[in-house]
N, C-alpha and C. Protein backbone atom coordinates (compact mmCIF):
# COMPACT_ATOMS: atom_id res chain seq x y z
N UNK A 1 3.54 -90.30 45.59
CA UNK A 1 3.42 -89.08 44.84
C UNK A 1 4.54 -88.39 44.68
N UNK A 2 5.01 -87.95 43.49
CA UNK A 2 6.23 -87.14 43.31
C UNK A 2 6.16 -85.81 44.32
N UNK A 3 7.27 -85.26 44.51
CA UNK A 3 7.23 -83.88 45.15
C UNK A 3 6.81 -82.88 44.12
N UNK A 4 5.87 -82.24 44.50
CA UNK A 4 5.33 -80.95 43.84
C UNK A 4 6.38 -79.82 43.64
N UNK A 5 6.66 -79.50 42.59
CA UNK A 5 7.77 -78.39 42.39
C UNK A 5 7.03 -77.01 42.12
N UNK A 6 6.04 -77.01 41.43
CA UNK A 6 5.37 -75.59 41.14
C UNK A 6 3.82 -75.79 40.79
N UNK A 7 3.10 -74.73 40.70
CA UNK A 7 1.70 -74.93 40.47
C UNK A 7 1.37 -75.73 39.11
N UNK A 8 2.13 -75.54 38.18
CA UNK A 8 1.98 -76.24 36.88
C UNK A 8 2.16 -77.75 37.10
N UNK A 9 3.17 -78.06 37.82
CA UNK A 9 3.42 -79.52 38.11
C UNK A 9 2.17 -80.06 39.02
N UNK A 10 1.78 -79.25 39.95
CA UNK A 10 0.59 -79.78 40.71
C UNK A 10 -0.72 -79.88 39.80
N UNK A 11 -0.93 -78.96 38.98
CA UNK A 11 -1.98 -79.21 38.21
C UNK A 11 -2.12 -80.55 37.23
N UNK A 12 -0.78 -80.75 36.69
CA UNK A 12 -0.69 -81.98 35.96
C UNK A 12 -0.72 -83.26 36.86
N UNK A 13 -0.32 -83.17 38.12
CA UNK A 13 -0.66 -84.35 38.97
C UNK A 13 -2.01 -84.50 39.37
N UNK A 14 -2.74 -83.31 39.58
CA UNK A 14 -4.21 -83.36 39.76
C UNK A 14 -4.93 -84.02 38.41
N UNK A 15 -4.56 -83.54 37.25
CA UNK A 15 -5.17 -84.02 36.12
C UNK A 15 -5.02 -85.67 35.99
N UNK A 16 -3.75 -86.12 36.14
CA UNK A 16 -3.60 -87.39 36.28
C UNK A 16 -4.34 -88.21 37.19
N UNK A 17 -4.20 -87.80 38.43
CA UNK A 17 -4.99 -88.40 39.57
C UNK A 17 -6.43 -88.44 39.28
N UNK A 18 -7.00 -87.31 39.00
CA UNK A 18 -8.39 -87.31 38.74
C UNK A 18 -8.92 -88.12 37.63
N UNK A 19 -8.12 -88.11 36.50
CA UNK A 19 -8.48 -89.05 35.36
C UNK A 19 -8.39 -90.50 35.82
N UNK A 20 -7.41 -90.85 36.49
CA UNK A 20 -7.20 -92.36 37.00
C UNK A 20 -8.24 -92.67 37.96
N UNK A 21 -8.83 -91.78 38.98
CA UNK A 21 -9.76 -91.96 39.82
C UNK A 21 -11.00 -92.34 38.92
N UNK A 22 -11.39 -91.54 38.03
CA UNK A 22 -12.69 -91.70 37.33
C UNK A 22 -12.59 -93.15 36.75
N UNK A 23 -11.53 -93.51 35.99
CA UNK A 23 -11.31 -94.98 35.47
C UNK A 23 -11.56 -95.93 36.37
N UNK A 24 -10.88 -95.84 37.60
CA UNK A 24 -10.99 -96.68 38.64
C UNK A 24 -12.38 -96.80 39.28
N UNK A 25 -13.10 -95.81 39.26
CA UNK A 25 -14.49 -95.63 39.64
C UNK A 25 -15.48 -96.51 38.85
N UNK A 26 -15.09 -96.27 37.50
CA UNK A 26 -15.98 -96.95 36.50
C UNK A 26 -15.64 -98.42 36.49
N UNK A 27 -14.49 -98.83 36.89
CA UNK A 27 -14.18 -100.21 36.95
C UNK A 27 -14.41 -100.90 38.42
N UNK A 28 -14.78 -100.16 39.28
CA UNK A 28 -15.04 -100.64 40.71
C UNK A 28 -13.77 -100.98 41.45
N UNK A 29 -12.65 -100.37 40.99
CA UNK A 29 -11.50 -100.55 41.73
C UNK A 29 -11.09 -99.44 42.74
N UNK A 30 -11.84 -99.75 43.99
CA UNK A 30 -11.80 -98.91 45.09
C UNK A 30 -10.32 -98.51 45.65
N UNK A 31 -9.48 -99.62 45.50
CA UNK A 31 -8.04 -99.36 45.87
C UNK A 31 -7.40 -98.28 45.29
N UNK A 32 -7.35 -98.56 43.93
CA UNK A 32 -6.80 -97.31 42.93
C UNK A 32 -7.45 -96.02 43.12
N UNK A 33 -8.82 -96.09 43.27
CA UNK A 33 -9.60 -94.82 43.39
C UNK A 33 -9.14 -94.18 44.77
N UNK A 34 -8.99 -94.83 45.86
CA UNK A 34 -8.47 -94.21 47.09
C UNK A 34 -7.12 -93.59 47.09
N UNK A 35 -6.29 -94.30 46.23
CA UNK A 35 -4.68 -93.96 46.01
C UNK A 35 -4.95 -92.46 45.31
N UNK A 36 -5.74 -92.67 44.34
CA UNK A 36 -5.68 -91.30 43.44
C UNK A 36 -6.32 -90.21 44.23
N UNK A 37 -7.34 -90.42 45.07
CA UNK A 37 -7.96 -89.40 45.82
C UNK A 37 -7.01 -88.87 46.90
N UNK A 38 -6.04 -89.63 47.31
CA UNK A 38 -5.02 -89.22 48.34
C UNK A 38 -4.14 -88.21 47.37
N UNK A 39 -3.74 -88.39 46.26
CA UNK A 39 -3.00 -87.53 45.34
C UNK A 39 -3.80 -86.30 45.19
N UNK A 40 -5.02 -86.37 44.85
CA UNK A 40 -5.74 -85.28 44.63
C UNK A 40 -5.90 -84.37 45.79
N UNK A 41 -6.02 -84.89 46.92
CA UNK A 41 -5.94 -84.09 48.31
C UNK A 41 -4.61 -83.53 48.64
N UNK A 42 -3.70 -84.08 48.11
CA UNK A 42 -2.14 -83.57 48.35
C UNK A 42 -2.14 -82.34 47.45
N UNK A 43 -2.75 -82.38 46.15
CA UNK A 43 -2.50 -81.28 45.37
C UNK A 43 -3.44 -79.94 45.82
N UNK A 44 -4.63 -80.48 46.13
CA UNK A 44 -5.47 -79.46 46.80
C UNK A 44 -4.96 -78.58 47.93
N UNK A 45 -4.31 -79.34 48.76
CA UNK A 45 -3.66 -78.83 50.06
C UNK A 45 -2.70 -77.75 49.63
N UNK A 46 -1.91 -78.28 48.70
CA UNK A 46 -0.86 -77.16 48.05
C UNK A 46 -1.43 -76.06 47.60
N UNK A 47 -2.50 -76.15 46.57
CA UNK A 47 -3.16 -74.91 45.92
C UNK A 47 -3.80 -74.05 46.92
N UNK A 48 -4.28 -74.64 48.00
CA UNK A 48 -4.90 -73.82 49.03
C UNK A 48 -3.64 -73.09 49.80
N UNK A 49 -2.68 -73.75 50.12
CA UNK A 49 -1.55 -73.05 50.79
C UNK A 49 -1.05 -71.88 49.85
N UNK A 50 -0.97 -72.14 48.67
CA UNK A 50 -0.38 -71.13 47.81
C UNK A 50 -1.55 -70.26 47.28
N UNK A 51 -2.73 -70.13 47.81
CA UNK A 51 -3.84 -69.45 47.31
C UNK A 51 -4.07 -69.40 45.85
N UNK A 52 -3.95 -70.55 45.35
CA UNK A 52 -4.01 -70.97 43.91
C UNK A 52 -5.20 -71.71 43.39
N UNK A 53 -6.25 -71.87 44.31
CA UNK A 53 -7.29 -72.78 43.90
C UNK A 53 -7.88 -72.45 42.44
N UNK A 54 -8.05 -71.07 42.12
CA UNK A 54 -8.75 -70.66 41.03
C UNK A 54 -7.97 -71.34 39.69
N UNK A 55 -6.89 -71.85 39.89
CA UNK A 55 -6.07 -72.27 38.95
C UNK A 55 -6.76 -73.59 38.26
N UNK A 56 -7.67 -74.14 39.24
CA UNK A 56 -8.46 -75.43 38.79
C UNK A 56 -9.16 -75.14 37.53
N UNK A 57 -9.76 -73.86 37.46
CA UNK A 57 -10.54 -73.41 36.44
C UNK A 57 -10.09 -73.72 35.11
N UNK A 58 -8.73 -73.94 34.91
CA UNK A 58 -8.07 -74.11 33.65
C UNK A 58 -8.44 -75.61 33.21
N UNK A 59 -8.93 -76.50 34.16
CA UNK A 59 -9.14 -77.77 33.79
C UNK A 59 -10.74 -78.23 33.75
N UNK A 60 -11.57 -77.12 33.69
CA UNK A 60 -13.07 -77.23 33.56
C UNK A 60 -13.48 -77.85 32.06
N UNK A 61 -12.61 -77.65 31.21
CA UNK A 61 -13.09 -78.08 29.86
C UNK A 61 -12.18 -79.17 29.34
N UNK A 62 -11.59 -79.92 30.34
CA UNK A 62 -10.63 -81.10 30.00
C UNK A 62 -11.64 -82.19 29.44
N UNK A 63 -10.93 -83.02 28.65
CA UNK A 63 -11.49 -84.25 27.92
C UNK A 63 -12.11 -85.21 29.00
N UNK A 64 -11.29 -85.40 30.05
CA UNK A 64 -11.77 -86.37 31.12
C UNK A 64 -12.88 -85.85 31.95
N UNK A 65 -13.98 -86.53 32.04
CA UNK A 65 -15.06 -86.33 33.08
C UNK A 65 -14.54 -86.23 34.34
N UNK A 66 -13.64 -87.09 34.74
CA UNK A 66 -13.10 -87.27 36.05
C UNK A 66 -12.24 -85.81 36.53
N UNK A 67 -11.48 -85.51 35.49
CA UNK A 67 -10.83 -84.09 35.75
C UNK A 67 -11.72 -82.86 36.00
N UNK A 68 -12.89 -82.95 35.06
CA UNK A 68 -13.77 -81.94 35.22
C UNK A 68 -14.62 -81.92 36.53
N UNK A 69 -14.99 -83.16 36.81
CA UNK A 69 -15.85 -83.26 38.05
C UNK A 69 -15.05 -82.79 39.40
N UNK A 70 -13.90 -83.32 39.33
CA UNK A 70 -12.98 -83.01 40.58
C UNK A 70 -12.79 -81.50 40.61
N UNK A 71 -12.20 -80.90 39.51
CA UNK A 71 -11.94 -79.47 39.42
C UNK A 71 -13.17 -78.74 39.89
N UNK A 72 -14.25 -79.06 39.17
CA UNK A 72 -15.55 -78.24 39.57
C UNK A 72 -15.94 -78.32 41.00
N UNK A 73 -15.79 -79.60 41.51
CA UNK A 73 -16.00 -79.57 42.87
C UNK A 73 -15.23 -78.84 43.79
N UNK A 74 -13.95 -78.88 43.70
CA UNK A 74 -12.97 -78.17 44.38
C UNK A 74 -13.12 -76.73 44.22
N UNK A 75 -13.75 -76.24 43.18
CA UNK A 75 -14.03 -74.77 42.80
C UNK A 75 -15.05 -74.20 43.64
N UNK A 76 -16.00 -75.07 43.98
CA UNK A 76 -17.22 -74.67 44.43
C UNK A 76 -17.10 -73.38 45.62
N UNK A 77 -16.24 -73.65 46.48
CA UNK A 77 -16.05 -72.48 47.57
C UNK A 77 -15.19 -71.23 46.95
N UNK A 78 -14.58 -71.41 45.70
CA UNK A 78 -13.87 -70.24 45.27
C UNK A 78 -14.47 -69.54 44.00
N UNK A 79 -14.96 -70.48 43.00
CA UNK A 79 -15.79 -69.91 41.88
C UNK A 79 -16.97 -70.81 41.76
N UNK A 80 -18.08 -70.51 42.47
CA UNK A 80 -19.21 -71.39 42.70
C UNK A 80 -19.94 -71.49 41.45
N UNK A 81 -20.10 -70.34 40.72
CA UNK A 81 -20.97 -70.40 39.37
C UNK A 81 -20.34 -71.32 38.55
N UNK A 82 -18.94 -71.20 38.21
CA UNK A 82 -18.29 -72.09 37.38
C UNK A 82 -18.38 -73.57 37.66
N UNK A 83 -18.11 -73.71 38.88
CA UNK A 83 -18.04 -75.11 39.44
C UNK A 83 -19.39 -75.79 39.19
N UNK A 84 -20.59 -74.98 39.71
CA UNK A 84 -21.77 -75.54 39.48
C UNK A 84 -22.35 -75.75 38.09
N UNK A 85 -21.84 -74.78 37.22
CA UNK A 85 -22.14 -74.90 35.78
C UNK A 85 -21.64 -76.33 35.15
N UNK A 86 -20.42 -76.56 35.48
CA UNK A 86 -19.70 -77.82 35.05
C UNK A 86 -20.39 -79.13 35.68
N UNK A 87 -20.67 -78.87 36.95
CA UNK A 87 -21.32 -80.16 37.60
C UNK A 87 -22.67 -80.49 37.14
N UNK A 88 -23.51 -79.41 36.94
CA UNK A 88 -24.85 -79.53 36.34
C UNK A 88 -24.75 -80.14 34.94
N UNK A 89 -23.82 -79.63 34.01
CA UNK A 89 -23.72 -80.40 32.69
C UNK A 89 -23.40 -81.76 33.05
N UNK A 90 -22.57 -82.30 33.78
CA UNK A 90 -22.26 -83.63 34.05
C UNK A 90 -23.54 -84.39 34.63
N UNK A 91 -24.10 -83.57 35.37
CA UNK A 91 -25.32 -84.14 36.10
C UNK A 91 -26.33 -84.52 35.09
N UNK A 92 -26.31 -83.93 33.79
CA UNK A 92 -27.42 -84.18 33.01
C UNK A 92 -27.19 -85.41 32.04
N UNK A 93 -25.90 -86.03 32.28
CA UNK A 93 -25.70 -87.29 31.52
C UNK A 93 -26.19 -88.73 32.37
N UNK A 94 -25.57 -89.58 32.03
CA UNK A 94 -26.03 -90.90 32.65
C UNK A 94 -24.81 -91.47 33.32
N UNK A 95 -24.91 -92.46 34.15
CA UNK A 95 -23.73 -93.32 34.80
C UNK A 95 -23.41 -92.86 36.01
N UNK A 96 -22.38 -93.21 36.48
CA UNK A 96 -21.77 -93.05 37.99
C UNK A 96 -21.35 -91.59 38.11
N UNK A 97 -20.59 -90.96 37.17
CA UNK A 97 -20.09 -89.64 37.12
C UNK A 97 -21.38 -88.77 37.17
N UNK A 98 -22.47 -89.03 36.49
CA UNK A 98 -23.59 -88.15 36.55
C UNK A 98 -24.41 -88.14 37.79
N UNK A 99 -24.49 -89.29 38.47
CA UNK A 99 -24.94 -89.35 39.71
C UNK A 99 -24.11 -88.80 40.80
N UNK A 100 -22.82 -88.85 40.77
CA UNK A 100 -21.83 -88.04 41.65
C UNK A 100 -22.01 -86.47 41.50
N UNK A 101 -22.20 -86.01 40.25
CA UNK A 101 -22.48 -84.66 40.08
C UNK A 101 -23.70 -84.11 40.63
N UNK A 102 -24.64 -85.05 40.29
CA UNK A 102 -25.94 -84.65 40.91
C UNK A 102 -25.99 -84.57 42.26
N UNK A 103 -25.43 -85.47 42.98
CA UNK A 103 -25.39 -85.78 44.50
C UNK A 103 -24.49 -84.40 44.97
N UNK A 104 -23.35 -84.11 44.42
CA UNK A 104 -22.64 -83.05 44.82
C UNK A 104 -23.24 -81.88 44.80
N UNK A 105 -23.97 -81.46 43.67
CA UNK A 105 -24.75 -80.23 43.39
C UNK A 105 -25.82 -80.18 44.61
N UNK A 106 -26.58 -81.21 44.88
CA UNK A 106 -27.57 -81.42 45.75
C UNK A 106 -26.93 -80.91 47.06
N UNK A 107 -26.01 -81.54 47.58
CA UNK A 107 -25.36 -81.41 48.87
C UNK A 107 -24.68 -80.04 49.01
N UNK A 108 -24.14 -79.62 48.01
CA UNK A 108 -23.56 -78.21 48.12
C UNK A 108 -24.85 -77.08 48.32
N UNK A 109 -25.89 -77.36 47.53
CA UNK A 109 -26.88 -76.42 47.65
C UNK A 109 -27.61 -76.46 49.05
N UNK A 110 -27.52 -77.62 49.67
CA UNK A 110 -28.05 -77.75 51.12
C UNK A 110 -27.21 -77.36 52.22
N UNK A 111 -25.88 -77.04 51.53
CA UNK A 111 -24.85 -76.40 52.72
C UNK A 111 -24.14 -77.62 53.47
N UNK A 112 -24.34 -78.86 53.00
CA UNK A 112 -23.77 -80.04 53.52
C UNK A 112 -22.30 -80.34 53.24
N UNK A 113 -21.76 -79.77 52.10
CA UNK A 113 -20.31 -79.99 51.84
C UNK A 113 -19.30 -79.10 52.58
N UNK A 114 -18.28 -79.97 53.05
CA UNK A 114 -17.25 -79.23 53.80
C UNK A 114 -16.01 -79.63 53.19
N UNK A 115 -15.08 -78.85 52.89
CA UNK A 115 -13.79 -79.16 52.43
C UNK A 115 -12.63 -79.03 53.33
N UNK A 116 -12.02 -80.08 53.90
CA UNK A 116 -11.21 -80.28 54.91
C UNK A 116 -9.70 -80.35 54.40
N UNK A 117 -9.61 -80.49 53.25
CA UNK A 117 -8.13 -80.86 52.63
C UNK A 117 -7.33 -79.49 52.87
């Protein structure tokens, strides 16, 4: 992953990694998905350090379901209502991302999700 220079660059890297993660997930390519997640985690770490997690809300209307689901998930501790709204929209669909969104919402509501990044 490239060195992150600023928040705008971090959001672009998040967008790219989340989009690629979704594609890899759809194709069963766990190696690529794992690499993408590592990049997502690095960006999240930077956003937390800079107290800029709310910037992920800019990605909630993105074309990519992967970008939306990852942004919404990481927004849960910061902007819960917005994150849940997007996750519930995705959960209403079909396929692997819908299942992921349903599970994320369920586990969040049970208090089982912990964000360690």
